Structure formats: structure tokens, C-alpha cells
Amino acid sequence: MSDLYQVTETISVFKAVLWIFYPMAALVLIELLLRTNDDDDDDFQGGKGIRVAQMQPAYAPSGA
């Protein structure tokens, strides 16, 4: 039991709290790196939508 006490005395509270956040920071970094390569823009006009047919305006009665 004295060995456990020695180990807990050598590790600071700040270092113990950082060990909680190291895995989460690694996961966030991996997510950000994987998100940078998301190139799903398959058209050649800078992401502008291309209409298939000319849309006709909808008829609305003037008394509505």
C-alpha cells in the first residue's frame, strides 16, 4: 500500500487531469484531419446548383 501512496504523490493533479483530455484531443484531431478531405463537389461551376428544367411560377389567386 505504501507503493501506491508513493506513486500518487509523484503524479500531480494537473498531470492527472491532462491524461483525461489526451485521448479526447487525439480523437478531435483525427476527426478534423479526416474532415479536411471531404471533397464531394462533383460539378465544375463552384458548387452552384444546375436546374434540370425551368421552374414555372406557382399560380396564387389575388384574393387569397
N, C-alpha and C. Protein backbone atom coordinates (compact mmCIF):
# COMPACT_ATOMS: atom_id res chain seq x y z
N MET A 1 0.81 -1.19 0.00
CA MET A 1 0.00 0.00 0.00
C MET A 1 0.86 1.26 0.00
N SER A 2 2.02 1.17 0.56
CA SER A 2 2.90 2.34 0.58
C SER A 2 3.40 2.67 -0.83
N ASP A 3 3.51 1.64 -1.69
CA ASP A 3 3.93 1.90 -3.08
C ASP A 3 2.89 2.74 -3.82
N LEU A 4 1.62 2.44 -3.58
CA LEU A 4 0.55 3.22 -4.20
C LEU A 4 0.58 4.66 -3.70
N TYR A 5 0.85 4.85 -2.46
CA TYR A 5 0.93 6.19 -1.91
C TYR A 5 2.09 6.96 -2.52
N GLN A 6 3.22 6.31 -2.74
CA GLN A 6 4.37 6.97 -3.37
C GLN A 6 4.05 7.38 -4.80
N VAL A 7 3.36 6.52 -5.51
CA VAL A 7 3.03 6.82 -6.90
C VAL A 7 2.06 7.99 -6.97
N THR A 8 1.09 8.02 -6.09
CA THR A 8 0.13 9.12 -6.12
C THR A 8 0.77 10.44 -5.69
N GLU A 9 1.79 10.39 -4.92
CA GLU A 9 2.48 11.62 -4.54
C GLU A 9 3.36 12.16 -5.65
N THR A 10 3.84 11.31 -6.56
CA THR A 10 4.73 11.77 -7.61
C THR A 10 3.96 12.34 -8.81
N ILE A 11 2.70 11.99 -8.98
CA ILE A 11 1.89 12.50 -10.09
C ILE A 11 1.08 13.69 -9.58
N SER A 12 1.22 14.81 -10.29
CA SER A 12 0.46 15.99 -9.86
C SER A 12 -0.98 15.89 -10.34
N VAL A 13 -1.83 16.67 -9.73
CA VAL A 13 -3.25 16.69 -10.10
C VAL A 13 -3.40 17.24 -11.51
N PHE A 14 -2.61 18.23 -11.88
CA PHE A 14 -2.66 18.80 -13.21
C PHE A 14 -2.34 17.75 -14.28
N LYS A 15 -1.33 16.93 -14.03
CA LYS A 15 -0.96 15.89 -14.97
C LYS A 15 -2.05 14.81 -15.06
N ALA A 16 -2.69 14.51 -13.96
CA ALA A 16 -3.77 13.52 -13.97
C ALA A 16 -4.97 14.03 -14.76
N VAL A 17 -5.28 15.31 -14.65
CA VAL A 17 -6.39 15.88 -15.41
C VAL A 17 -6.05 15.92 -16.90
N LEU A 18 -4.80 16.22 -17.22
CA LEU A 18 -4.40 16.22 -18.63
C LEU A 18 -4.53 14.83 -19.26
N TRP A 19 -4.27 13.80 -18.51
CA TRP A 19 -4.39 12.44 -19.04
C TRP A 19 -5.83 12.10 -19.39
N ILE A 20 -6.77 12.79 -18.80
CA ILE A 20 -8.18 12.58 -19.16
C ILE A 20 -8.44 13.17 -20.55
N PHE A 21 -7.83 14.33 -20.84
CA PHE A 21 -8.12 15.03 -22.08
C PHE A 21 -7.25 14.60 -23.26
N TYR A 22 -6.14 13.89 -23.04
CA TYR A 22 -5.30 13.45 -24.15
C TYR A 22 -6.06 12.57 -25.16
N PRO A 23 -6.78 11.54 -24.74
CA PRO A 23 -7.50 10.72 -25.74
C PRO A 23 -8.57 11.51 -26.48
N MET A 24 -9.28 12.40 -25.79
CA MET A 24 -10.31 13.18 -26.45
C MET A 24 -9.69 14.14 -27.46
N ALA A 25 -8.58 14.75 -27.12
CA ALA A 25 -7.90 15.65 -28.06
C ALA A 25 -7.40 14.88 -29.28
N ALA A 26 -6.94 13.66 -29.08
CA ALA A 26 -6.49 12.85 -30.22
C ALA A 26 -7.67 12.51 -31.14
N LEU A 27 -8.82 12.18 -30.57
CA LEU A 27 -9.99 11.88 -31.39
C LEU A 27 -10.47 13.11 -32.16
N VAL A 28 -10.44 14.27 -31.53
CA VAL A 28 -10.85 15.50 -32.21
C VAL A 28 -9.87 15.82 -33.35
N LEU A 29 -8.59 15.62 -33.12
CA LEU A 29 -7.60 15.87 -34.15
C LEU A 29 -7.78 14.92 -35.34
N ILE A 30 -8.05 13.66 -35.06
CA ILE A 30 -8.29 12.70 -36.15
C ILE A 30 -9.53 13.10 -36.93
N GLU A 31 -10.59 13.51 -36.23
CA GLU A 31 -11.82 13.94 -36.90
C GLU A 31 -11.57 15.15 -37.79
N LEU A 32 -10.81 16.12 -37.32
CA LEU A 32 -10.52 17.30 -38.12
C LEU A 32 -9.67 16.96 -39.33
N LEU A 33 -8.73 16.06 -39.17
CA LEU A 33 -7.90 15.66 -40.31
C LEU A 33 -8.71 14.89 -41.35
N LEU A 34 -9.63 14.05 -40.91
CA LEU A 34 -10.44 13.30 -41.86
C LEU A 34 -11.47 14.19 -42.54
N ARG A 35 -11.91 15.24 -41.87
CA ARG A 35 -12.92 16.12 -42.44
C ARG A 35 -12.35 17.04 -43.51
N THR A 36 -11.04 17.28 -43.52
CA THR A 36 -10.44 18.20 -44.50
C THR A 36 -10.46 17.61 -45.90
N ASN A 37 -10.55 16.31 -46.05
CA ASN A 37 -10.50 15.67 -47.35
C ASN A 37 -11.91 15.35 -47.87
N ASP A 38 -12.92 16.05 -47.41
CA ASP A 38 -14.30 15.79 -47.81
C ASP A 38 -14.60 16.61 -49.07
N ASP A 39 -14.29 16.06 -50.22
CA ASP A 39 -14.49 16.75 -51.49
C ASP A 39 -15.61 16.07 -52.25
N ASP A 40 -16.85 16.47 -51.97
CA ASP A 40 -17.98 15.86 -52.66
C ASP A 40 -18.57 16.80 -53.70
N ASP A 41 -17.83 17.82 -54.07
CA ASP A 41 -18.28 18.76 -55.08
C ASP A 41 -17.96 18.16 -56.45
N ASP A 42 -18.97 17.60 -57.11
CA ASP A 42 -18.71 16.90 -58.36
C ASP A 42 -19.09 17.72 -59.60
N ASP A 43 -19.43 18.98 -59.42
CA ASP A 43 -19.69 19.79 -60.60
C ASP A 43 -18.52 20.75 -60.82
N PHE A 44 -18.53 21.40 -61.95
CA PHE A 44 -17.39 22.24 -62.33
C PHE A 44 -17.70 23.72 -62.25
N GLN A 45 -18.76 24.10 -61.56
CA GLN A 45 -19.15 25.51 -61.50
C GLN A 45 -19.10 26.04 -60.08
N GLY A 46 -18.24 25.54 -59.28
CA GLY A 46 -18.04 26.07 -57.95
C GLY A 46 -19.15 25.76 -56.98
N GLY A 47 -19.87 24.67 -57.15
CA GLY A 47 -20.91 24.28 -56.23
C GLY A 47 -22.26 24.90 -56.50
N LYS A 48 -22.43 25.57 -57.62
CA LYS A 48 -23.72 26.18 -57.94
C LYS A 48 -24.67 25.10 -58.45
N GLY A 49 -25.91 25.18 -58.03
CA GLY A 49 -26.90 24.22 -58.48
C GLY A 49 -27.29 24.44 -59.93
N ILE A 50 -27.51 23.37 -60.65
CA ILE A 50 -27.92 23.44 -62.06
C ILE A 50 -29.33 22.88 -62.14
N ARG A 51 -30.26 23.68 -62.62
CA ARG A 51 -31.64 23.22 -62.72
C ARG A 51 -31.80 22.32 -63.92
N VAL A 52 -32.60 21.30 -63.75
CA VAL A 52 -32.87 20.38 -64.84
C VAL A 52 -33.91 20.98 -65.77
N ALA A 53 -34.94 21.58 -65.22
CA ALA A 53 -36.00 22.20 -66.00
C ALA A 53 -36.25 23.60 -65.47
N GLN A 54 -36.72 24.48 -66.34
CA GLN A 54 -37.05 25.83 -65.91
C GLN A 54 -38.29 25.78 -65.03
N MET A 55 -38.19 26.30 -63.83
CA MET A 55 -39.30 26.26 -62.89
C MET A 55 -40.33 27.31 -63.29
N GLN A 56 -41.60 26.93 -63.30
CA GLN A 56 -42.70 27.84 -63.60
C GLN A 56 -43.21 28.42 -62.29
N PRO A 57 -43.53 29.69 -62.28
CA PRO A 57 -44.06 30.28 -61.04
C PRO A 57 -45.41 29.65 -60.68
N ALA A 58 -45.64 29.46 -59.43
CA ALA A 58 -46.89 28.88 -58.96
C ALA A 58 -48.00 29.93 -59.02
N TYR A 59 -49.18 29.51 -59.41
CA TYR A 59 -50.34 30.42 -59.52
C TYR A 59 -50.95 30.59 -58.13
N ALA A 60 -51.11 31.83 -57.71
CA ALA A 60 -51.79 32.14 -56.45
C ALA A 60 -52.88 33.14 -56.74
N PRO A 61 -54.13 32.87 -56.40
CA PRO A 61 -55.20 33.84 -56.65
C PRO A 61 -54.99 35.10 -55.84
N SER A 62 -55.40 36.23 -56.42
CA SER A 62 -55.13 37.52 -55.76
C SER A 62 -56.02 37.75 -54.54
N GLY A 63 -57.11 37.03 -54.42
CA GLY A 63 -57.99 37.22 -53.27
C GLY A 63 -57.62 36.36 -52.08
N ALA A 64 -56.54 35.61 -52.16
CA ALA A 64 -56.19 34.69 -51.07
C ALA A 64 -55.47 35.38 -49.96
